[in-house]
């Protein structure tokens, strides 16, 4: 597996890499660079980098930092896919103490239900897209 590291330092993020990938994805088609920048500013971000500091992955969580987080835009550069790096990024994000403290972490996916299910996400109601990890205890 490729040697990599993950950082939450937004100054390290390669905006062009992130924007180019997301603007060409099924979920972010047509997103402008300005919109990508705004989403980064308003999210808790995780960048994945090669040993030579090239950005190879990204993910973000829109959160209130107490109760709720919405996992979005988890990406791995095509040339690094199928090497376990997406799983490593997901594990790192979900093990982060800030994310661990949230009562609910949700996401939407069109085609990766089985992948996210491995991390404890469960289908929300009858939705074809929504999944969540819900730690809230109801009495």
Protein backbone atom coordinates (compact mmCIF):
# COMPACT_ATOMS: atom_id res chain seq x y z
CA UNK A 1 0.00 0.00 0.00
CA UNK A 2 1.11 3.51 -0.76
CA UNK A 3 2.57 5.42 2.16
CA UNK A 4 0.24 8.28 3.05
CA UNK A 5 -0.80 10.62 5.81
CA UNK A 6 -4.03 12.44 6.70
CA UNK A 7 -4.34 16.01 7.94
CA UNK A 8 -7.19 18.27 9.03
CA UNK A 9 -5.13 21.39 8.15
CA UNK A 10 -7.18 23.21 5.50
CA UNK A 11 -4.09 25.14 4.36
CA UNK A 12 -2.69 21.91 2.89
CA UNK A 13 -5.75 21.23 0.71
CA UNK A 14 -5.31 21.26 -3.06
CA UNK A 15 -8.50 23.06 -4.08
CA UNK A 16 -7.99 22.32 -7.79
CA UNK A 17 -7.73 18.56 -7.12
CA UNK A 18 -10.83 18.59 -4.91
CA UNK A 19 -12.89 20.76 -7.22
CA UNK A 20 -11.96 18.93 -10.43
CA UNK A 21 -12.89 15.57 -8.92
CA UNK A 22 -16.17 16.66 -7.32
CA UNK A 23 -17.37 18.84 -10.22
CA UNK A 24 -17.13 15.76 -12.43
CA UNK A 25 -18.82 13.36 -10.00
CA UNK A 26 -22.49 12.34 -10.14
CA UNK A 27 -23.20 14.13 -6.86
CA UNK A 28 -21.31 17.36 -7.55
CA UNK A 29 -21.70 17.84 -11.29
CA UNK A 30 -21.70 21.51 -12.14
CA UNK A 31 -20.45 22.71 -8.76
CA UNK A 32 -18.45 25.91 -9.24
CA UNK A 33 -14.98 26.46 -7.81
CA UNK A 34 -16.41 29.19 -5.58
CA UNK A 35 -19.00 26.74 -4.24
CA UNK A 36 -16.28 24.17 -3.58
CA UNK A 37 -14.29 26.79 -1.66
CA UNK A 38 -17.35 27.75 0.38
CA UNK A 39 -18.08 24.11 1.27
CA UNK A 40 -14.50 23.69 2.48
CA UNK A 41 -14.67 26.87 4.57
CA UNK A 42 -17.86 25.64 6.24
CA UNK A 43 -16.79 22.04 6.92
CA UNK A 44 -14.43 19.94 9.05
CA UNK A 45 -12.07 18.66 6.33
CA UNK A 46 -9.69 15.74 6.00
CA UNK A 47 -6.99 15.67 3.32
CA UNK A 48 -5.05 12.52 2.43
CA UNK A 49 -1.56 12.98 1.03
CA UNK A 50 1.21 10.87 -0.46
CA UNK A 51 4.63 10.75 1.15
CA UNK A 52 5.65 13.46 -1.35
CA UNK A 53 2.77 15.74 -0.18
CA UNK A 54 0.57 15.22 -3.26
CA UNK A 55 -3.10 15.27 -2.30
CA UNK A 56 -4.64 11.89 -3.11
CA UNK A 57 -7.88 11.98 -1.11
CA UNK A 58 -10.40 14.19 0.63
CA UNK A 59 -13.49 14.02 2.79
CA UNK A 60 -15.47 16.51 4.83
CA UNK A 61 -18.07 16.63 7.55
CA UNK A 62 -20.62 19.44 7.84
CA UNK A 63 -21.22 19.61 11.57
CA UNK A 64 -22.40 21.58 14.58
CA UNK A 65 -19.52 19.89 16.48
CA UNK A 66 -21.93 18.62 19.17
CA UNK A 67 -24.89 16.61 17.88
CA UNK A 68 -24.86 16.13 14.12
CA UNK A 69 -22.44 15.60 11.25
CA UNK A 70 -23.07 15.06 7.56
CA UNK A 71 -20.28 13.13 5.82
CA UNK A 72 -19.71 14.37 2.28
CA UNK A 73 -17.39 14.40 -0.72
CA UNK A 74 -15.22 11.40 0.23
CA UNK A 75 -12.87 10.98 -2.74
CA UNK A 76 -9.67 9.20 -3.72
CA UNK A 77 -7.72 10.09 -6.89
CA UNK A 78 -8.42 7.48 -9.59
CA UNK A 79 -4.81 6.29 -9.75
CA UNK A 80 -4.88 5.51 -6.01
CA UNK A 81 -8.25 3.75 -5.94
CA UNK A 82 -8.58 0.04 -5.16
CA UNK A 83 -5.58 0.16 -2.78
CA UNK A 84 -7.50 0.46 0.49
CA UNK A 85 -6.96 4.20 0.80
CA UNK A 86 -10.67 5.07 0.78
CA UNK A 87 -11.17 2.65 3.66
CA UNK A 88 -8.21 4.14 5.50
CA UNK A 89 -9.61 7.65 5.04
CA UNK A 90 -13.07 6.58 6.25
CA UNK A 91 -11.60 4.85 9.32
CA UNK A 92 -9.50 7.90 10.15
CA UNK A 93 -12.46 10.25 9.80
CA UNK A 94 -14.80 8.09 11.88
CA UNK A 95 -12.17 7.56 14.60
CA UNK A 96 -11.50 11.28 14.93
CA UNK A 97 -12.47 12.39 18.46
CA UNK A 98 -14.65 15.23 17.14
CA UNK A 99 -16.63 12.87 14.89
CA UNK A 100 -16.77 10.18 17.60
CA UNK A 101 -18.42 12.67 19.97
CA UNK A 102 -21.32 13.40 17.60
CA UNK A 103 -24.65 11.73 18.37
CA UNK A 104 -25.53 11.26 14.71
CA UNK A 105 -23.38 11.04 11.58
CA UNK A 106 -25.32 10.84 8.32
CA UNK A 107 -24.52 10.53 4.64
CA UNK A 108 -26.19 10.04 1.30
CA UNK A 109 -24.97 7.54 -1.27
CA UNK A 110 -26.31 6.24 -4.54
CA UNK A 111 -24.12 3.17 -4.84
CA UNK A 112 -21.90 2.52 -1.79
CA UNK A 113 -24.36 1.22 0.81
CA UNK A 114 -22.40 -1.98 1.46
CA UNK A 115 -19.15 -0.05 1.91
CA UNK A 116 -20.62 2.38 4.44
CA UNK A 117 -22.47 -0.46 6.16
CA UNK A 118 -19.08 -1.88 7.15
CA UNK A 119 -18.52 1.25 9.25
CA UNK A 120 -21.80 1.03 11.13
CA UNK A 121 -23.99 3.16 8.87
CA UNK A 122 -27.55 1.90 8.59
CA UNK A 123 -30.28 2.74 6.11
CA UNK A 124 -32.56 5.56 7.29
CA UNK A 125 -36.21 4.52 6.93
CA UNK A 126 -37.22 3.72 3.36
CA UNK A 127 -34.74 6.14 1.80
CA UNK A 128 -32.70 4.82 -1.12
CA UNK A 129 -29.91 7.30 -0.33
CA UNK A 130 -29.73 8.23 3.37
CA UNK A 131 -27.66 6.26 5.89
CA UNK A 132 -26.60 7.13 9.43
CA UNK A 133 -24.77 6.12 12.57
CA UNK A 134 -27.08 7.13 15.39
CA UNK A 135 -25.69 7.09 18.94
CA UNK A 136 -28.58 9.03 20.49
CA UNK A 137 -30.21 7.14 23.34
CA UNK A 138 -33.98 7.53 23.45
CA UNK A 139 -35.73 6.80 26.72
